[in-house]
Structures are given as C-alpha cells and as structure tokens.
Amino acid sequence: MTATATTTAHAHQADWHPHDTAKGRVEAYHRDGVILARSVFTPLELEEIRETFVSQLELGRGVMAHEDHVSSNDILARYPRFVHPHRHPDTHAGVLARTHMVDDRLVSIVESLVGPAYGAQSMFYFKPPTARGQALHQDNNSLRAAPETCIAAWIAVDDADEDNGGLLVIPRSHNSEIMCTEAADETQSFSNSQVKLPPGVASRAVQTRMKAGDVLFFHGATVHGSHPNTTQDRFRRSLIFHYIPQASNEIYKFYQPLIRPRDGKEVWIDDAAEGGPVARGGGKRGRGPSRR
C-alpha cells in the first residue's frame, strides 16, 4: 500500500523529544527502530545547505541527479533528487555532503546505536510544492547490507510535516524481515514499488513533525514513506545519509566505496546480490533486520 493512499486516516502525530541519556536513546532505537534528535544543525548551517544545493541545481541536472523516469512536465523533473553528492568533491555540494556525512554530531549518534560504522550513501531531496510522495519502503531492501542492516540519518532542511510531505514511519516495524514489495500508486508516489504490509500494520503509522535542523535516525527495516507536498509555497528539502555497521561484510555495489568517518578513507567490502538506489527496489525478499 502507498503511504499516500492508505495511512492518512490512521496516522498518529509524533511528538518525540530527544532522549536525555545515551542509554535512553539506544533503548528507544532498539524498541521502536526510530529516534528523533532535535536541533542538531544550526540555522546558519541549514541556510548554507539550502543555498549550496539550489545553486548546484541551477547549474543543471548533471551527474548528481538521479534518473527516476518522471515525465518532462512533472515538477520532479525540474527538482530531481541528488544521489551520492559526496562523490563529487569538485563541487561545493559534494564537499558539503562529504563534510556532513562524517560530522561527529551524526556519526557519534549512529555509532552509539549500531557501533563503528561506514558512510554508505548521501542524498538530497528538494520535494517542491505539489510533488508526489514516496511509497512505504524499507531502506535495506536497496542497500542489502549484511549481516547487519543500515541506518539512516534524515536531516530536515526545512520544517517538515503532514502538509509538505514530512516522513511517515511505522515504529517497531523493524522487528519484521525485509518485506516483499508490490506496485505502488504512481499518481501519489514517485517510486514505483511499496512494501506489502501485513494486515493492521498501516494503522500504526506515525506522521512526523520536524523542525529544520532536526534529524531522524531509523533502522534499515523500519517502514517509512511520505505523502505528497500539498502546499503551494513550502519546499520539504532534506539531506539524508545512510550508514552501515562495520560488522557488515557486504553491501550492494551501488554503494561502494564506503567511507570510514573517523579518517575519511574509502573502504570496499564484498558486493551483495541485487539491491539498487533507495526506493527503486524490486519485489524480492531481502535479508532480515539487524537485532543488535
């Protein structure tokens, strides 16, 4: 089922707060598969992120823009998502993405949750007004990290809520295996597949409300997605990083090389079968989630 078509009536509103202790954060992450850290990035940093990626877009689609096969009259053709900007050190956007990928504010939280980690992916979403959402999915269906799953750090570059297509998450869905997928409703979702949820799971969906600078950390098997941006004047920009525990020994080749945050070195591990860019995965069963 798509996030946009089936969870509106049931979605709760999230009112999460930062956990005061590292122990509380870890316990919440393992219980729910998702935690929210408030005000990680400053207004000045956020303005630099916005200006940098808008400037990169104004230079043209270039090598960062991911081909999502949208029609030329789709707003997302004008505002494509950028994938792996950190691999382009010849650009300001690339340098900025790489810098934030290894930022100790993010890495220290990631490593408190999953242990020593590698950076695997960077993405930037513009999600302009009227843009479609993204059907419910699990990130490790694409990354195929094993035996330990991935973790996302989803940075709100603008305020994000139900109106402009903020994230929906299903807490505790990380206790499931990576689920089979089915076709998504592409009138509501730019991605063409969605998880096939067991009965009753969609009713547990939570609509997040994030302020610019907040960061949502979630497990690679946590089901999440978003509604369309129904506003006329609000972007929902986000900068996203995926990490994998260094205990993982394979990942889909699209994500190689990995980055070791503490020294910035590039690292290669074994290639996993299948996988692909996040939200473009096919309908085959993946690996089970980490239970660290």
C-alpha atoms as a PDB file:
ATOM      1  CA  MET A   1       0.000   0.000   0.000  1.00  0.00           C
ATOM      2  CA  THR A   2       1.174   3.520  -0.605  1.00  0.00           C
ATOM      3  CA  ALA A   3       1.787   5.928   2.203  1.00  0.00           C
ATOM      4  CA  THR A   4      -0.334   8.467   0.424  1.00  0.00           C
ATOM      5  CA  ALA A   5      -3.348   6.297  -0.264  1.00  0.00           C
ATOM      6  CA  THR A   6      -3.823   4.273   2.866  1.00  0.00           C
ATOM      7  CA  THR A   7      -2.418   5.779   6.022  1.00  0.00           C
ATOM      8  CA  THR A   8      -3.995   9.229   6.219  1.00  0.00           C
ATOM      9  CA  ALA A   9      -6.959   8.184   8.334  1.00  0.00           C
ATOM     10  CA  HIS A  10      -4.843   6.203  10.768  1.00  0.00           C
ATOM     11  CA  ALA A  11      -1.625   8.194  11.039  1.00  0.00           C
ATOM     12  CA  HIS A  12      -0.834   9.432  14.528  1.00  0.00           C
ATOM     13  CA  GLN A  13       1.051  12.647  15.150  1.00  0.00           C
ATOM     14  CA  ALA A  14       4.549  12.200  16.519  1.00  0.00           C
ATOM     15  CA  ASP A  15       5.611  14.351  19.445  1.00  0.00           C
ATOM     16  CA  TRP A  16       9.008  12.810  20.142  1.00  0.00           C
ATOM     17  CA  HIS A  17      11.718  14.531  22.107  1.00  0.00           C
ATOM     18  CA  PRO A  18      15.465  13.949  22.380  1.00  0.00           C
ATOM     19  CA  HIS A  19      16.473  11.360  24.928  1.00  0.00           C
ATOM     20  CA  ASP A  20      18.442  12.825  27.799  1.00  0.00           C
ATOM     21  CA  THR A  21      20.889   9.945  28.046  1.00  0.00           C
ATOM     22  CA  ALA A  22      22.744   7.783  25.571  1.00  0.00           C
ATOM     23  CA  LYS A  23      21.214   4.740  27.255  1.00  0.00           C
ATOM     24  CA  GLY A  24      17.694   6.081  26.725  1.00  0.00           C
ATOM     25  CA  ARG A  25      18.435   6.791  23.077  1.00  0.00           C
ATOM     26  CA  VAL A  26      19.761   3.269  22.475  1.00  0.00           C
ATOM     27  CA  GLU A  27      16.826   1.655  24.280  1.00  0.00           C
ATOM     28  CA  ALA A  28      14.332   3.695  22.253  1.00  0.00           C
ATOM     29  CA  TYR A  29      16.075   2.881  18.972  1.00  0.00           C
ATOM     30  CA  HIS A  30      16.077  -0.856  19.608  1.00  0.00           C
ATOM     31  CA  ARG A  31      12.472  -0.753  20.804  1.00  0.00           C
ATOM     32  CA  ASP A  32      10.991   1.469  18.081  1.00  0.00           C
ATOM     33  CA  GLY A  33      13.519   1.373  15.230  1.00  0.00           C
ATOM     34  CA  VAL A  34      13.464   5.177  15.070  1.00  0.00           C
ATOM     35  CA  ILE A  35      14.552   8.137  17.224  1.00  0.00           C
ATOM     36  CA  LEU A  36      14.418  11.897  16.762  1.00  0.00           C
ATOM     37  CA  ALA A  37      17.246  14.275  17.672  1.00  0.00           C
ATOM     38  CA  ARG A  38      16.176  17.914  17.864  1.00  0.00           C
ATOM     39  CA  SER A  39      18.143  20.948  16.617  1.00  0.00           C
ATOM     40  CA  VAL A  40      21.283  19.115  15.533  1.00  0.00           C
ATOM     41  CA  PHE A  41      22.066  21.645  12.778  1.00  0.00           C
ATOM     42  CA  THR A  42      22.097  25.410  13.220  1.00  0.00           C
ATOM     43  CA  PRO A  43      20.100  27.924  11.136  1.00  0.00           C
ATOM     44  CA  LEU A  44      23.346  29.153   9.560  1.00  0.00           C
ATOM     45  CA  GLU A  45      24.327  25.617   8.534  1.00  0.00           C
ATOM     46  CA  LEU A  46      20.871  24.972   7.115  1.00  0.00           C
ATOM     47  CA  GLU A  47      20.984  28.155   5.049  1.00  0.00           C
ATOM     48  CA  GLU A  48      24.324  27.060   3.609  1.00  0.00           C
ATOM     49  CA  ILE A  49      22.879  23.640   2.733  1.00  0.00           C
ATOM     50  CA  ARG A  50      19.857  25.201   1.006  1.00  0.00           C
ATOM     51  CA  GLU A  51      21.892  27.732  -0.960  1.00  0.00           C
ATOM     52  CA  THR A  52      24.509  25.182  -1.970  1.00  0.00           C
ATOM     53  CA  PHE A  53      22.104  22.603  -3.346  1.00  0.00           C
ATOM     54  CA  VAL A  54      19.885  25.175  -5.054  1.00  0.00           C
ATOM     55  CA  SER A  55      22.996  26.611  -6.719  1.00  0.00           C
ATOM     56  CA  GLN A  56      24.012  23.122  -7.823  1.00  0.00           C
ATOM     57  CA  LEU A  57      20.560  22.583  -9.317  1.00  0.00           C
ATOM     58  CA  GLU A  58      20.774  25.884 -11.195  1.00  0.00           C
ATOM     59  CA  LEU A  59      23.926  24.602 -12.899  1.00  0.00           C
ATOM     60  CA  GLY A  60      21.850  21.815 -14.455  1.00  0.00           C
ATOM     61  CA  ARG A  61      20.892  18.247 -13.592  1.00  0.00           C
ATOM     62  CA  GLY A  62      24.448  16.979 -14.003  1.00  0.00           C
ATOM     63  CA  VAL A  63      25.784  13.754 -12.584  1.00  0.00           C
ATOM     64  CA  MET A  64      24.161  14.092  -9.162  1.00  0.00           C
ATOM     65  CA  ALA A  65      20.574  13.996 -10.429  1.00  0.00           C
ATOM     66  CA  HIS A  66      19.106  10.512 -10.212  1.00  0.00           C
ATOM     67  CA  GLU A  67      17.009   9.275 -13.130  1.00  0.00           C
ATOM     68  CA  ASP A  68      13.606   8.442 -11.641  1.00  0.00           C
ATOM     69  CA  HIS A  69      11.918   8.239 -15.060  1.00  0.00           C
ATOM     70  CA  VAL A  70       9.421  11.017 -14.399  1.00  0.00           C
ATOM     71  CA  SER A  71       7.722  12.810 -17.284  1.00  0.00           C
ATOM     72  CA  SER A  72       9.145  16.108 -18.505  1.00  0.00           C
ATOM     73  CA  ASN A  73       6.126  18.028 -17.177  1.00  0.00           C
ATOM     74  CA  ASP A  74       6.456  16.545 -13.681  1.00  0.00           C
ATOM     75  CA  ILE A  75       7.692  19.053 -11.080  1.00  0.00           C
ATOM     76  CA  LEU A  76      10.250  16.417 -10.044  1.00  0.00           C
ATOM     77  CA  ALA A  77      11.864  16.702 -13.475  1.00  0.00           C
ATOM     78  CA  ARG A  78      12.776  20.270 -12.504  1.00  0.00           C
ATOM     79  CA  TYR A  79      13.744  19.269  -8.975  1.00  0.00           C
ATOM     80  CA  PRO A  80      15.316  15.799  -9.170  1.00  0.00           C
ATOM     81  CA  ARG A  81      16.732  14.110  -6.126  1.00  0.00           C
ATOM     82  CA  PHE A  82      20.510  14.109  -5.908  1.00  0.00           C
ATOM     83  CA  VAL A  83      22.149  10.762  -5.146  1.00  0.00           C
ATOM     84  CA  HIS A  84      25.724  10.359  -3.876  1.00  0.00           C
ATOM     85  CA  PRO A  85      26.640  14.059  -3.953  1.00  0.00           C
ATOM     86  CA  HIS A  86      29.510  13.225  -1.581  1.00  0.00           C
ATOM     87  CA  ARG A  87      31.244  11.502  -4.507  1.00  0.00           C
ATOM     88  CA  HIS A  88      31.695  14.812  -6.331  1.00  0.00           C
ATOM     89  CA  PRO A  89      34.439  16.708  -4.468  1.00  0.00           C
ATOM     90  CA  ASP A  90      34.839  19.056  -7.440  1.00  0.00           C
ATOM     91  CA  THR A  91      31.560  20.745  -6.445  1.00  0.00           C
ATOM     92  CA  HIS A  92      30.575  22.772  -3.391  1.00  0.00           C
ATOM     93  CA  ALA A  93      27.584  20.468  -2.894  1.00  0.00           C
ATOM     94  CA  GLY A  94      29.871  17.456  -2.966  1.00  0.00           C
ATOM     95  CA  VAL A  95      32.280  18.896  -0.426  1.00  0.00           C
ATOM     96  CA  LEU A  96      29.410  19.896   1.859  1.00  0.00           C
ATOM     97  CA  ALA A  97      27.760  16.465   1.630  1.00  0.00           C
ATOM     98  CA  ARG A  98      31.022  14.701   2.412  1.00  0.00           C
ATOM     99  CA  THR A  99      31.680  17.045   5.335  1.00  0.00           C
ATOM    100  CA  HIS A 100      28.284  16.414   6.903  1.00  0.00           C
ATOM    101  CA  MET A 101      28.413  12.663   6.243  1.00  0.00           C
ATOM    102  CA  VAL A 102      31.398  12.412   8.598  1.00  0.00           C
ATOM    103  CA  ASP A 103      30.166  15.108  11.005  1.00  0.00           C
ATOM    104  CA  ASP A 104      30.728  13.895  14.552  1.00  0.00           C
ATOM    105  CA  ARG A 105      27.262  15.058  15.620  1.00  0.00           C
ATOM    106  CA  LEU A 106      25.752  12.454  13.295  1.00  0.00           C
ATOM    107  CA  VAL A 107      28.425   9.786  13.488  1.00  0.00           C
ATOM    108  CA  SER A 108      28.514   9.775  17.285  1.00  0.00           C
ATOM    109  CA  ILE A 109      24.766   9.102  17.443  1.00  0.00           C
ATOM    110  CA  VAL A 110      24.944   6.462  14.708  1.00  0.00           C
ATOM    111  CA  GLU A 111      27.808   4.679  16.444  1.00  0.00           C
ATOM    112  CA  SER A 112      26.054   4.823  19.812  1.00  0.00           C
ATOM    113  CA  LEU A 113      23.213   2.891  18.180  1.00  0.00           C
ATOM    114  CA  VAL A 114      24.990   0.365  15.945  1.00  0.00           C
ATOM    115  CA  GLY A 115      28.689   0.507  16.806  1.00  0.00           C
ATOM    116  CA  PRO A 116      31.527   1.609  14.484  1.00  0.00           C
ATOM    117  CA  ALA A 117      30.045   2.468  11.095  1.00  0.00           C
ATOM    118  CA  TYR A 118      30.830   3.317   7.477  1.00  0.00           C
ATOM    119  CA  GLY A 119      29.129   6.030   5.440  1.00  0.00           C
ATOM    120  CA  ALA A 120      27.331   4.400   2.502  1.00  0.00           C
ATOM    121  CA  GLN A 121      25.159   6.977   0.752  1.00  0.00           C
ATOM    122  CA  SER A 122      24.199  10.636   0.591  1.00  0.00           C
ATOM    123  CA  MET A 123      21.007  12.039  -0.940  1.00  0.00           C
ATOM    124  CA  PHE A 124      19.320  15.412  -1.232  1.00  0.00           C
ATOM    125  CA  TYR A 125      15.584  15.822  -1.847  1.00  0.00           C
ATOM    126  CA  PHE A 126      14.016  19.138  -2.858  1.00  0.00           C
ATOM    127  CA  LYS A 127      10.374  17.957  -2.682  1.00  0.00           C
ATOM    128  CA  PRO A 128       8.860  21.159  -4.069  1.00  0.00           C
ATOM    129  CA  PRO A 129       5.205  22.181  -3.687  1.00  0.00           C
ATOM    130  CA  THR A 130       2.813  19.729  -5.451  1.00  0.00           C
ATOM    131  CA  ALA A 131       5.483  16.993  -5.686  1.00  0.00           C
ATOM    132  CA  ARG A 132       4.403  13.403  -5.198  1.00  0.00           C
ATOM    133  CA  GLY A 133       5.359  11.480  -2.094  1.00  0.00           C
ATOM    134  CA  GLN A 134       7.276   8.246  -1.708  1.00  0.00           C
ATOM    135  CA  ALA A 135       5.538   4.930  -1.108  1.00  0.00           C
ATOM    136  CA  LEU A 136       6.225   2.976   2.064  1.00  0.00           C
ATOM    137  CA  HIS A 137       9.529   1.125   1.847  1.00  0.00           C
ATOM    138  CA  GLN A 138      12.454  -0.285   3.815  1.00  0.00           C
ATOM    139  CA  ASP A 139      15.906   1.062   3.011  1.00  0.00           C
ATOM    140  CA  ASN A 140      17.839  -2.165   3.392  1.00  0.00           C
ATOM    141  CA  ASN A 141      15.795  -3.665   0.570  1.00  0.00           C
ATOM    142  CA  SER A 142      18.021  -1.450  -1.581  1.00  0.00           C
ATOM    143  CA  LEU A 143      21.322  -1.382   0.309  1.00  0.00           C
ATOM    144  CA  ARG A 144      21.397  -5.124   1.109  1.00  0.00           C
ATOM    145  CA  ALA A 145      23.837  -4.600   3.951  1.00  0.00           C
ATOM    146  CA  ALA A 146      24.501  -7.892   5.738  1.00  0.00           C
ATOM    147  CA  PRO A 147      24.704  -9.422   8.235  1.00  0.00           C
ATOM    148  CA  GLU A 148      23.982  -6.063   9.918  1.00  0.00           C
ATOM    149  CA  THR A 149      21.440  -3.679   8.407  1.00  0.00           C
ATOM    150  CA  CYS A 150      21.805   0.005   7.504  1.00  0.00           C
ATOM    151  CA  ILE A 151      20.752   3.062   9.489  1.00  0.00           C
ATOM    152  CA  ALA A 152      19.524   6.377   8.053  1.00  0.00           C
ATOM    153  CA  ALA A 153      20.160   9.906   9.315  1.00  0.00           C
ATOM    154  CA  TRP A 154      17.371  12.025   7.771  1.00  0.00           C
ATOM    155  CA  ILE A 155      18.065  15.750   8.205  1.00  0.00           C
ATOM    156  CA  ALA A 156      15.151  18.180   7.882  1.00  0.00           C
ATOM    157  CA  VAL A 157      16.499  21.148   5.915  1.00  0.00           C
ATOM    158  CA  ASP A 158      13.049  22.787   6.048  1.00  0.00           C
ATOM    159  CA  ASP A 159      10.271  22.320   8.580  1.00  0.00           C
ATOM    160  CA  ALA A 160       8.546  19.068   7.589  1.00  0.00           C
ATOM    161  CA  ASP A 161       5.013  18.000   8.489  1.00  0.00           C
ATOM    162  CA  GLU A 162       1.890  16.419   7.029  1.00  0.00           C
ATOM    163  CA  ASP A 163       1.204  19.370   4.715  1.00  0.00           C
ATOM    164  CA  ASN A 164       4.503  19.447   2.834  1.00  0.00           C
ATOM    165  CA  GLY A 165       5.105  15.714   2.839  1.00  0.00           C
ATOM    166  CA  GLY A 166       7.060  15.017   6.012  1.00  0.00           C
ATOM    167  CA  LEU A 167       8.026  11.449   6.782  1.00  0.00           C
ATOM    168  CA  LEU A 168       5.604   8.760   7.881  1.00  0.00           C
ATOM    169  CA  VAL A 169       7.172   5.962   9.911  1.00  0.00           C
ATOM    170  CA  ILE A 170       5.852   2.740  11.414  1.00  0.00           C
ATOM    171  CA  PRO A 171       7.559   2.270  14.781  1.00  0.00           C
ATOM    172  CA  ARG A 172       8.608  -1.299  15.634  1.00  0.00           C
ATOM    173  CA  SER A 173       8.237  -2.422  12.026  1.00  0.00           C
ATOM    174  CA  HIS A 174      12.000  -3.068  12.129  1.00  0.00           C
ATOM    175  CA  ASN A 175      11.218  -6.279  14.019  1.00  0.00           C
ATOM    176  CA  SER A 176       9.953  -7.767  10.750  1.00  0.00           C
ATOM    177  CA  GLU A 177      12.005  -9.217   7.943  1.00  0.00           C
ATOM    178  CA  ILE A 178      12.601  -7.167   4.830  1.00  0.00           C
ATOM    179  CA  MET A 179       9.169  -7.488   3.231  1.00  0.00           C
ATOM    180  CA  CYS A 180       8.105  -8.390  -0.270  1.00  0.00           C
ATOM    181  CA  THR A 181       7.107  -5.459  -2.462  1.00  0.00           C
ATOM    182  CA  GLU A 182       4.291  -4.731  -4.871  1.00  0.00           C
ATOM    183  CA  ALA A 183       3.404  -1.979  -7.335  1.00  0.00           C
ATOM    184  CA  ALA A 184       2.829   1.469  -5.839  1.00  0.00           C
ATOM    185  CA  ASP A 185       0.241   4.058  -6.858  1.00  0.00           C
ATOM    186  CA  GLU A 186       2.376   6.294  -9.059  1.00  0.00           C
ATOM    187  CA  THR A 187      -0.208   9.071  -9.009  1.00  0.00           C
ATOM    188  CA  GLN A 188       0.788   9.546  -5.374  1.00  0.00           C
ATOM    189  CA  SER A 189       4.363   8.207  -5.265  1.00  0.00           C
ATOM    190  CA  PHE A 190       7.357   8.930  -7.487  1.00  0.00           C
ATOM    191  CA  SER A 191       8.754   5.479  -6.626  1.00  0.00           C
ATOM    192  CA  ASN A 192       7.160   2.507  -8.327  1.00  0.00           C
ATOM    193  CA  SER A 193       7.169  -0.093  -5.542  1.00  0.00           C
ATOM    194  CA  GLN A 194       5.978  -0.336  -1.959  1.00  0.00           C
ATOM    195  CA  VAL A 195       6.156  -2.847   0.859  1.00  0.00           C
ATOM    196  CA  LYS A 196       3.347  -5.361   1.098  1.00  0.00           C
ATOM    197  CA  LEU A 197       2.271  -4.820   4.693  1.00  0.00           C
ATOM    198  CA  PRO A 198       0.613  -7.462   6.874  1.00  0.00           C
ATOM    199  CA  PRO A 199      -2.963  -6.640   7.951  1.00  0.00           C
ATOM    200  CA  GLY A 200      -3.197  -3.956  10.613  1.00  0.00           C
ATOM    201  CA  VAL A 201       0.352  -2.651  10.319  1.00  0.00           C
ATOM    202  CA  ALA A 202      -0.582   0.515   8.398  1.00  0.00           C
ATOM    203  CA  SER A 203      -2.725   1.681  11.323  1.00  0.00           C
ATOM    204  CA  ARG A 204       0.465   2.099  13.364  1.00  0.00           C
ATOM    205  CA  ALA A 205       1.879   4.733  11.006  1.00  0.00           C
ATOM    206  CA  VAL A 206       3.115   7.925  12.656  1.00  0.00           C
ATOM    207  CA  GLN A 207       3.187  11.284  10.887  1.00  0.00           C
ATOM    208  CA  THR A 208       6.376  13.038  11.949  1.00  0.00           C
ATOM    209  CA  ARG A 209       6.629  16.759  12.545  1.00  0.00           C
ATOM    210  CA  MET A 210      10.185  18.020  12.314  1.00  0.00           C
ATOM    211  CA  LYS A 211      11.737  21.449  12.568  1.00  0.00           C
ATOM    212  CA  ALA A 212      14.586  22.403  10.267  1.00  0.00           C
ATOM    213  CA  GLY A 213      17.771  21.082  11.840  1.00  0.00           C
ATOM    214  CA  ASP A 214      16.153  18.026  13.440  1.00  0.00           C
ATOM    215  CA  VAL A 215      17.477  14.588  12.478  1.00  0.00           C
ATOM    216  CA  LEU A 216      15.506  11.343  12.366  1.00  0.00           C
ATOM    217  CA  PHE A 217      17.586   8.180  12.751  1.00  0.00           C
ATOM    218  CA  PHE A 218      15.957   4.925  11.689  1.00  0.00           C
ATOM    219  CA  HIS A 219      16.730   1.256  11.177  1.00  0.00           C
ATOM    220  CA  GLY A 220      17.126  -0.257   7.715  1.00  0.00           C
ATOM    221  CA  ALA A 221      13.988  -2.363   8.144  1.00  0.00           C
ATOM    222  CA  THR A 222      11.810   0.440   9.550  1.00  0.00           C
ATOM    223  CA  VAL A 223       8.912   1.024   7.156  1.00  0.00           C
ATOM    224  CA  HIS A 224       8.632   4.672   6.130  1.00  0.00           C
ATOM    225  CA  GLY A 225       7.465   6.904   3.293  1.00  0.00           C
ATOM    226  CA  SER A 226       5.697  10.208   2.726  1.00  0.00           C
ATOM    227  CA  HIS A 227       2.581  11.881   1.379  1.00  0.00           C
ATOM    228  CA  PRO A 228       2.673  14.397  -1.496  1.00  0.00           C
ATOM    229  CA  ASN A 229       3.569  18.006  -0.777  1.00  0.00           C
ATOM    230  CA  THR A 230       0.111  19.589  -0.884  1.00  0.00           C
ATOM    231  CA  THR A 231       1.284  23.136  -0.199  1.00  0.00           C
ATOM    232  CA  GLN A 232       1.680  25.871  -2.768  1.00  0.00           C
ATOM    233  CA  ASP A 233       4.707  27.581  -1.267  1.00  0.00           C
ATOM    234  CA  ARG A 234       6.677  25.227   1.007  1.00  0.00           C
ATOM    235  CA  PHE A 235       9.572  23.018  -0.033  1.00  0.00           C
ATOM    236  CA  ARG A 236      10.429  19.977   2.067  1.00  0.00           C
ATOM    237  CA  ARG A 237      14.151  19.749   1.479  1.00  0.00           C
ATOM    238  CA  SER A 238      16.126  17.040   3.223  1.00  0.00           C
ATOM    239  CA  LEU A 239      19.713  15.829   3.350  1.00  0.00           C
ATOM    240  CA  ILE A 240      19.980  12.112   4.020  1.00  0.00           C
ATOM    241  CA  PHE A 241      22.844   9.810   4.864  1.00  0.00           C
ATOM    242  CA  HIS A 242      22.932   6.047   5.155  1.00  0.00           C
ATOM    243  CA  TYR A 243      25.488   4.225   7.256  1.00  0.00           C
ATOM    244  CA  ILE A 244      26.195   0.555   7.858  1.00  0.00           C
ATOM    245  CA  PRO A 245      27.887  -1.088  10.842  1.00  0.00           C
ATOM    246  CA  GLN A 246      31.483  -2.075  10.219  1.00  0.00           C
ATOM    247  CA  ALA A 247      30.332  -5.548  11.287  1.00  0.00           C
ATOM    248  CA  SER A 248      28.594  -5.817   7.907  1.00  0.00           C
ATOM    249  CA  ASN A 249      30.667  -7.630   5.310  1.00  0.00           C
ATOM    250  CA  GLU A 250      28.608  -6.971   2.181  1.00  0.00           C
ATOM    251  CA  ILE A 251      26.500  -4.294   0.516  1.00  0.00           C
ATOM    252  CA  TYR A 252      25.074  -3.766  -2.964  1.00  0.00           C
ATOM    253  CA  LYS A 253      27.771  -2.477  -5.334  1.00  0.00           C
ATOM    254  CA  PHE A 254      25.919   0.797  -5.990  1.00  0.00           C
ATOM    255  CA  TYR A 255      27.037   1.932  -2.521  1.00  0.00           C
ATOM    256  CA  GLN A 256      30.740   1.108  -2.907  1.00  0.00           C
ATOM    257  CA  PRO A 257      33.141   2.513  -1.899  1.00  0.00           C
ATOM    258  CA  LEU A 258      32.137   3.168   1.689  1.00  0.00           C
ATOM    259  CA  ILE A 259      33.580   5.994   3.778  1.00  0.00           C
ATOM    260  CA  ARG A 260      35.225   5.444   7.153  1.00  0.00           C
ATOM    261  CA  PRO A 261      34.086   8.566   9.035  1.00  0.00           C
ATOM    262  CA  ARG A 262      36.907   8.852  11.536  1.00  0.00           C
ATOM    263  CA  ASP A 263      39.632   9.272   8.902  1.00  0.00           C
ATOM    264  CA  GLY A 264      37.694   9.749   5.636  1.00  0.00           C
ATOM    265  CA  LYS A 265      39.269   6.692   3.998  1.00  0.00           C
ATOM    266  CA  GLU A 266      37.416   4.809   1.268  1.00  0.00           C
ATOM    267  CA  VAL A 267      36.675   1.166   2.060  1.00  0.00           C
ATOM    268  CA  TRP A 268      35.405  -1.712  -0.077  1.00  0.00           C
ATOM    269  CA  ILE A 269      33.635  -4.795   1.258  1.00  0.00           C
ATOM    270  CA  ASP A 270      32.024  -7.710  -0.583  1.00  0.00           C
ATOM    271  CA  ASP A 271      29.275  -6.994  -3.119  1.00  0.00           C
ATOM    272  CA  ALA A 272      25.791  -8.212  -2.205  1.00  0.00           C
ATOM    273  CA  ALA A 273      23.372  -9.593  -4.770  1.00  0.00           C
ATOM    274  CA  GLU A 274      20.542  -7.419  -6.121  1.00  0.00           C
ATOM    275  CA  GLY A 275      19.736  -4.098  -4.455  1.00  0.00           C
ATOM    276  CA  GLY A 276      19.748  -0.648  -6.052  1.00  0.00           C
ATOM    277  CA  PRO A 277      19.082   3.040  -5.294  1.00  0.00           C
ATOM    278  CA  VAL A 278      16.743   3.572  -2.341  1.00  0.00           C
ATOM    279  CA  ALA A 279      13.043   3.289  -3.268  1.00  0.00           C
ATOM    280  CA  ARG A 280      13.675   1.618  -6.626  1.00  0.00           C
ATOM    281  CA  GLY A 281      13.972  -1.964  -5.334  1.00  0.00           C
ATOM    282  CA  GLY A 282      12.174  -4.866  -6.937  1.00  0.00           C
ATOM    283  CA  GLY A 283       9.813  -7.357  -5.392  1.00  0.00           C
ATOM    284  CA  LYS A 284      12.119  -9.994  -3.954  1.00  0.00           C
ATOM    285  CA  ARG A 285      12.612 -10.807  -0.310  1.00  0.00           C
ATOM    286  CA  GLY A 286      15.678  -9.317   1.282  1.00  0.00           C
ATOM    287  CA  ARG A 287      17.637 -10.131   4.390  1.00  0.00           C
ATOM    288  CA  GLY A 288      16.267  -9.906   7.876  1.00  0.00           C
ATOM    289  CA  PRO A 289      16.909  -6.877  10.060  1.00  0.00           C
ATOM    290  CA  SER A 290      19.714  -6.361  12.489  1.00  0.00           C
ATOM    291  CA  ARG A 291      18.819  -7.194  16.072  1.00  0.00           C
ATOM    292  CA  ARG A 292      21.820  -5.590  17.702  1.00  0.00           C
END
